Amino acid sequence: MQQVHSFLMKVIPLTGAKQVTKRTICNRLLQAGLPSRKAQTLPFLRPEMHMKRVAFAKQFASWTAKDWKKVYHVLFLFQIWAMMKRRLAETKSPTADFETLKAIWTEEVSKHGMALAGSVPERCAAVLAASGGPTRY
């Protein structure tokens, strides 16, 4: 947002218009459907978190995607649940019966579960390469 504001503050005087505040620019962009956002920051990882991440990655470094697929339903429960919640929100239905929930769950697991499980060896390698620090995952 600061870059947009700086740019507009240089351009606006060239048009003969008065100076405007950053807040005015933000409001006009918001009205045009362009909300401002701050860049997401990575969570801070304490040294003990680095050590735990490295220990986990070393312990399971030899596991293949096939090994992870045997246990993916437990490990990726929260990710699959989040995907399911998004699907339910898209239906715009205030309630869903058990059969609908079961069908959506089964579909999300079959669609994304194996891909999530298959990515774990790469995730472990990335953690080891980053010495337990933040990764793109």
C-alpha atoms as a PDB file:
ATOM      1  CA  MET A   1       0.000   0.000   0.000  1.00  0.00           C
ATOM      2  CA  GLN A   2       2.866   2.345   0.779  1.00  0.00           C
ATOM      3  CA  GLN A   3       4.181   1.951  -2.765  1.00  0.00           C
ATOM      4  CA  VAL A   4       0.765   2.758  -4.257  1.00  0.00           C
ATOM      5  CA  HIS A   5       0.417   5.775  -1.981  1.00  0.00           C
ATOM      6  CA  SER A   6       3.890   7.060  -2.849  1.00  0.00           C
ATOM      7  CA  PHE A   7       3.207   6.616  -6.553  1.00  0.00           C
ATOM      8  CA  LEU A   8      -0.162   8.382  -6.380  1.00  0.00           C
ATOM      9  CA  MET A   9       1.271  11.243  -4.301  1.00  0.00           C
ATOM     10  CA  LYS A  10       3.715  11.888  -7.154  1.00  0.00           C
ATOM     11  CA  VAL A  11       1.134  11.548  -9.929  1.00  0.00           C
ATOM     12  CA  ILE A  12      -1.800  13.468  -8.394  1.00  0.00           C
ATOM     13  CA  PRO A  13      -0.069  16.903  -8.443  1.00  0.00           C
ATOM     14  CA  LEU A  14       0.658  16.393 -12.145  1.00  0.00           C
ATOM     15  CA  THR A  15      -3.091  16.205 -12.783  1.00  0.00           C
ATOM     16  CA  GLY A  16      -3.686  19.550 -11.069  1.00  0.00           C
ATOM     17  CA  ALA A  17      -5.625  17.934  -8.218  1.00  0.00           C
ATOM     18  CA  LYS A  18      -5.081  18.678  -4.542  1.00  0.00           C
ATOM     19  CA  GLN A  19      -2.941  16.528  -2.309  1.00  0.00           C
ATOM     20  CA  VAL A  20      -4.824  13.633  -0.730  1.00  0.00           C
ATOM     21  CA  THR A  21      -4.101  11.566   2.336  1.00  0.00           C
ATOM     22  CA  LYS A  22      -3.157   7.922   2.409  1.00  0.00           C
ATOM     23  CA  ARG A  23      -6.490   7.172   4.117  1.00  0.00           C
ATOM     24  CA  THR A  24      -8.416   8.769   1.227  1.00  0.00           C
ATOM     25  CA  ILE A  25      -6.501   6.661  -1.274  1.00  0.00           C
ATOM     26  CA  CYS A  26      -7.219   3.515   0.774  1.00  0.00           C
ATOM     27  CA  ASN A  27     -10.923   4.394   0.967  1.00  0.00           C
ATOM     28  CA  ARG A  28     -11.207   4.978  -2.791  1.00  0.00           C
ATOM     29  CA  LEU A  29      -9.373   1.743  -3.595  1.00  0.00           C
ATOM     30  CA  LEU A  30     -11.659  -0.121  -1.189  1.00  0.00           C
ATOM     31  CA  GLN A  31     -14.729   1.397  -2.866  1.00  0.00           C
ATOM     32  CA  ALA A  32     -13.345   0.157  -6.198  1.00  0.00           C
ATOM     33  CA  GLY A  33     -13.116  -3.376  -4.779  1.00  0.00           C
ATOM     34  CA  LEU A  34      -9.354  -3.278  -4.202  1.00  0.00           C
ATOM     35  CA  PRO A  35      -8.800  -3.735  -0.466  1.00  0.00           C
ATOM     36  CA  SER A  36      -5.293  -3.207   0.852  1.00  0.00           C
ATOM     37  CA  ARG A  37      -3.498  -6.095   2.485  1.00  0.00           C
ATOM     38  CA  LYS A  38      -0.353  -6.466   4.518  1.00  0.00           C
ATOM     39  CA  ALA A  39       2.131  -9.134   3.525  1.00  0.00           C
ATOM     40  CA  GLN A  40       1.816 -12.269   5.589  1.00  0.00           C
ATOM     41  CA  THR A  41       4.703 -12.878   7.939  1.00  0.00           C
ATOM     42  CA  LEU A  42       6.111 -16.269   8.808  1.00  0.00           C
ATOM     43  CA  PRO A  43       5.590 -17.437  12.367  1.00  0.00           C
ATOM     44  CA  PHE A  44       8.617 -17.184  14.601  1.00  0.00           C
ATOM     45  CA  LEU A  45      10.204 -20.553  15.255  1.00  0.00           C
ATOM     46  CA  ARG A  46      12.017 -20.849  18.550  1.00  0.00           C
ATOM     47  CA  PRO A  47      15.264 -22.897  18.684  1.00  0.00           C
ATOM     48  CA  GLU A  48      13.465 -25.789  20.409  1.00  0.00           C
ATOM     49  CA  MET A  49      10.924 -25.845  17.572  1.00  0.00           C
ATOM     50  CA  HIS A  50      13.794 -26.080  15.065  1.00  0.00           C
ATOM     51  CA  MET A  51      15.181 -29.062  16.976  1.00  0.00           C
ATOM     52  CA  LYS A  52      11.802 -30.825  17.116  1.00  0.00           C
ATOM     53  CA  ARG A  53      11.197 -30.276  13.416  1.00  0.00           C
ATOM     54  CA  VAL A  54      14.645 -31.644  12.519  1.00  0.00           C
ATOM     55  CA  ALA A  55      14.182 -34.649  14.850  1.00  0.00           C
ATOM     56  CA  PHE A  56      10.812 -35.474  13.246  1.00  0.00           C
ATOM     57  CA  ALA A  57      12.188 -35.070   9.720  1.00  0.00           C
ATOM     58  CA  LYS A  58      15.192 -37.301  10.501  1.00  0.00           C
ATOM     59  CA  GLN A  59      13.018 -39.949  12.153  1.00  0.00           C
ATOM     60  CA  PHE A  60      10.735 -40.228   9.121  1.00  0.00           C
ATOM     61  CA  ALA A  61      13.191 -39.331   6.327  1.00  0.00           C
ATOM     62  CA  SER A  62      13.282 -42.931   5.142  1.00  0.00           C
ATOM     63  CA  TRP A  63       9.495 -43.202   4.828  1.00  0.00           C
ATOM     64  CA  THR A  64       8.189 -43.235   1.274  1.00  0.00           C
ATOM     65  CA  ALA A  65       4.964 -41.720  -0.023  1.00  0.00           C
ATOM     66  CA  LYS A  66       3.496 -45.228   0.124  1.00  0.00           C
ATOM     67  CA  ASP A  67       4.275 -45.429   3.867  1.00  0.00           C
ATOM     68  CA  TRP A  68       2.639 -42.042   4.493  1.00  0.00           C
ATOM     69  CA  LYS A  69      -0.469 -43.026   2.556  1.00  0.00           C
ATOM     70  CA  LYS A  70      -1.157 -45.685   5.195  1.00  0.00           C
ATOM     71  CA  VAL A  71      -1.517 -43.029   7.917  1.00  0.00           C
ATOM     72  CA  TYR A  72      -2.512 -39.884   5.988  1.00  0.00           C
ATOM     73  CA  HIS A  73      -6.098 -39.826   7.291  1.00  0.00           C
ATOM     74  CA  VAL A  74      -4.831 -39.134  10.818  1.00  0.00           C
ATOM     75  CA  LEU A  75      -2.025 -36.716   9.943  1.00  0.00           C
ATOM     76  CA  PHE A  76      -3.987 -34.551   7.554  1.00  0.00           C
ATOM     77  CA  LEU A  77      -7.284 -34.513   9.409  1.00  0.00           C
ATOM     78  CA  PHE A  78      -7.173 -30.752   9.983  1.00  0.00           C
ATOM     79  CA  GLN A  79      -6.252 -29.892   6.390  1.00  0.00           C
ATOM     80  CA  ILE A  80      -8.989 -32.120   4.991  1.00  0.00           C
ATOM     81  CA  TRP A  81     -11.467 -30.711   7.516  1.00  0.00           C
ATOM     82  CA  ALA A  82     -10.586 -27.160   6.387  1.00  0.00           C
ATOM     83  CA  MET A  83     -11.147 -28.158   2.758  1.00  0.00           C
ATOM     84  CA  MET A  84     -14.485 -29.665   3.730  1.00  0.00           C
ATOM     85  CA  LYS A  85     -15.529 -26.483   5.555  1.00  0.00           C
ATOM     86  CA  ARG A  86     -14.721 -24.451   2.426  1.00  0.00           C
ATOM     87  CA  ARG A  87     -16.838 -26.805   0.321  1.00  0.00           C
ATOM     88  CA  LEU A  88     -19.751 -26.461   2.744  1.00  0.00           C
ATOM     89  CA  ALA A  89     -19.418 -22.670   2.711  1.00  0.00           C
ATOM     90  CA  GLU A  90     -19.560 -22.710  -1.096  1.00  0.00           C
ATOM     91  CA  THR A  91     -22.870 -24.588  -1.023  1.00  0.00           C
ATOM     92  CA  LYS A  92     -24.382 -21.723   1.009  1.00  0.00           C
ATOM     93  CA  SER A  93     -26.507 -24.276   2.829  1.00  0.00           C
ATOM     94  CA  PRO A  94     -26.925 -23.451   6.533  1.00  0.00           C
ATOM     95  CA  THR A  95     -27.146 -27.131   7.461  1.00  0.00           C
ATOM     96  CA  ALA A  96     -26.129 -30.418   5.932  1.00  0.00           C
ATOM     97  CA  ASP A  97     -27.331 -33.897   6.802  1.00  0.00           C
ATOM     98  CA  PHE A  98     -24.962 -36.700   7.741  1.00  0.00           C
ATOM     99  CA  GLU A  99     -25.010 -38.297   4.290  1.00  0.00           C
ATOM    100  CA  THR A 100     -24.047 -34.993   2.635  1.00  0.00           C
ATOM    101  CA  LEU A 101     -21.187 -34.497   5.100  1.00  0.00           C
ATOM    102  CA  LYS A 102     -20.032 -38.074   4.575  1.00  0.00           C
ATOM    103  CA  ALA A 103     -20.085 -37.653   0.785  1.00  0.00           C
ATOM    104  CA  ILE A 104     -18.109 -34.394   0.931  1.00  0.00           C
ATOM    105  CA  TRP A 105     -15.590 -35.914   3.377  1.00  0.00           C
ATOM    106  CA  THR A 106     -15.075 -38.975   1.159  1.00  0.00           C
ATOM    107  CA  GLU A 107     -14.621 -36.805  -1.914  1.00  0.00           C
ATOM    108  CA  GLU A 108     -12.126 -34.470  -0.226  1.00  0.00           C
ATOM    109  CA  VAL A 109     -10.106 -37.391   1.150  1.00  0.00           C
ATOM    110  CA  SER A 110      -9.980 -39.097  -2.231  1.00  0.00           C
ATOM    111  CA  LYS A 111      -9.174 -35.852  -4.040  1.00  0.00           C
ATOM    112  CA  HIS A 112      -6.564 -34.362  -1.674  1.00  0.00           C
ATOM    113  CA  GLY A 113      -5.597 -37.020   0.876  1.00  0.00           C
ATOM    114  CA  MET A 114      -3.176 -38.921  -1.302  1.00  0.00           C
ATOM    115  CA  ALA A 115      -1.567 -35.735  -2.598  1.00  0.00           C
ATOM    116  CA  LEU A 116      -1.005 -34.521   0.962  1.00  0.00           C
ATOM    117  CA  ALA A 117       0.462 -37.870   1.984  1.00  0.00           C
ATOM    118  CA  GLY A 118       2.677 -37.955  -1.093  1.00  0.00           C
ATOM    119  CA  SER A 119       4.153 -34.568  -0.251  1.00  0.00           C
ATOM    120  CA  VAL A 120       5.460 -35.556   3.204  1.00  0.00           C
ATOM    121  CA  PRO A 121       8.846 -36.909   2.026  1.00  0.00           C
ATOM    122  CA  GLU A 122       9.431 -33.586   0.227  1.00  0.00           C
ATOM    123  CA  ARG A 123       8.352 -31.695   3.345  1.00  0.00           C
ATOM    124  CA  CYS A 124      10.795 -33.661   5.509  1.00  0.00           C
ATOM    125  CA  ALA A 125      13.606 -32.985   3.044  1.00  0.00           C
ATOM    126  CA  ALA A 126      12.736 -29.268   3.026  1.00  0.00           C
ATOM    127  CA  VAL A 127      12.790 -29.130   6.839  1.00  0.00           C
ATOM    128  CA  LEU A 128      16.192 -30.816   6.912  1.00  0.00           C
ATOM    129  CA  ALA A 129      17.531 -28.463   4.204  1.00  0.00           C
ATOM    130  CA  ALA A 130      16.292 -25.474   6.251  1.00  0.00           C
ATOM    131  CA  SER A 131      17.775 -26.911   9.476  1.00  0.00           C
ATOM    132  CA  GLY A 132      14.315 -26.900  11.018  1.00  0.00           C
ATOM    133  CA  GLY A 133      13.544 -23.357   9.911  1.00  0.00           C
ATOM    134  CA  PRO A 134      10.548 -22.138   7.889  1.00  0.00           C
ATOM    135  CA  THR A 135       9.822 -23.844   4.591  1.00  0.00           C
ATOM    136  CA  ARG A 136       7.421 -23.168   1.749  1.00  0.00           C
ATOM    137  CA  TYR A 137       5.026 -25.773   3.153  1.00  0.00           C
END
